[in-house]
Amino acid sequence: MVNPVVVRIAAERIKSGGLNPKTGIVYVLDDITNEAYRAAVENYILGNTEGI
């Protein structure tokens, strides 16, 4: 089960070009290794981005 707050934070950070707190570089979808979270973040981005 994924935490929706974590998904929202990760997705917003990816969308805005924010930094990955673990590595200190720009956060990208490939940084998410858990498949359930990765799918949830992808779905959040697709559902909350206009023009997609």
Protein backbone atom coordinates (compact mmCIF):
# COMPACT_ATOMS: atom_id res chain seq x y z
CA MET A 1 0.00 0.00 0.00
CA VAL A 2 1.39 3.39 -0.98
CA ASN A 3 1.16 6.53 1.10
CA PRO A 4 -0.65 9.21 -0.94
CA VAL A 5 1.20 12.02 0.84
CA VAL A 6 4.57 10.53 -0.14
CA VAL A 7 3.34 10.07 -3.72
CA ARG A 8 2.18 13.71 -3.92
CA ILE A 9 5.45 15.05 -2.49
CA ALA A 10 7.58 12.96 -4.86
CA ALA A 11 5.45 13.84 -7.89
CA GLU A 12 5.45 17.56 -7.14
CA ARG A 13 9.21 17.49 -6.61
CA ILE A 14 9.72 15.73 -9.95
CA LYS A 15 7.37 18.13 -11.76
CA SER A 16 9.08 21.21 -10.36
CA GLY A 17 12.65 20.00 -10.93
CA GLY A 18 13.33 19.79 -7.20
CA LEU A 19 16.24 18.02 -5.63
CA ASN A 20 16.29 14.43 -4.47
CA PRO A 21 17.07 14.71 -0.74
CA LYS A 22 19.01 11.45 -0.84
CA THR A 23 21.38 12.33 -3.71
CA GLY A 24 21.25 16.12 -3.88
CA ILE A 25 20.65 16.10 -7.65
CA VAL A 26 17.46 16.79 -9.60
CA TYR A 27 14.74 14.28 -8.73
CA VAL A 28 13.66 12.10 -11.65
CA LEU A 29 11.20 9.24 -11.95
CA ASP A 30 14.06 6.75 -12.34
CA ASP A 31 15.09 7.53 -8.74
CA ILE A 32 12.00 5.68 -7.50
CA THR A 33 12.89 1.99 -7.27
CA ASN A 34 9.71 0.68 -5.61
CA GLU A 35 7.40 -0.32 -8.49
CA ALA A 36 4.19 0.45 -6.59
CA TYR A 37 5.34 3.97 -5.72
CA ARG A 38 6.72 4.54 -9.20
CA ALA A 39 3.37 3.61 -10.79
CA ALA A 40 1.50 5.79 -8.27
CA VAL A 41 3.77 8.77 -8.96
CA GLU A 42 3.40 8.31 -12.73
CA ASN A 43 -0.38 8.20 -12.36
CA TYR A 44 -0.36 11.29 -10.13
CA ILE A 45 1.73 13.24 -12.62
CA LEU A 46 -0.47 12.20 -15.53
CA GLY A 47 -3.65 12.99 -13.64
CA ASN A 48 -2.51 16.35 -12.30
CA THR A 49 -0.67 17.89 -15.22
CA GLU A 50 -2.61 19.95 -17.72
CA GLY A 51 -1.95 19.32 -21.38
CA ILE A 52 -1.07 15.66 -21.03
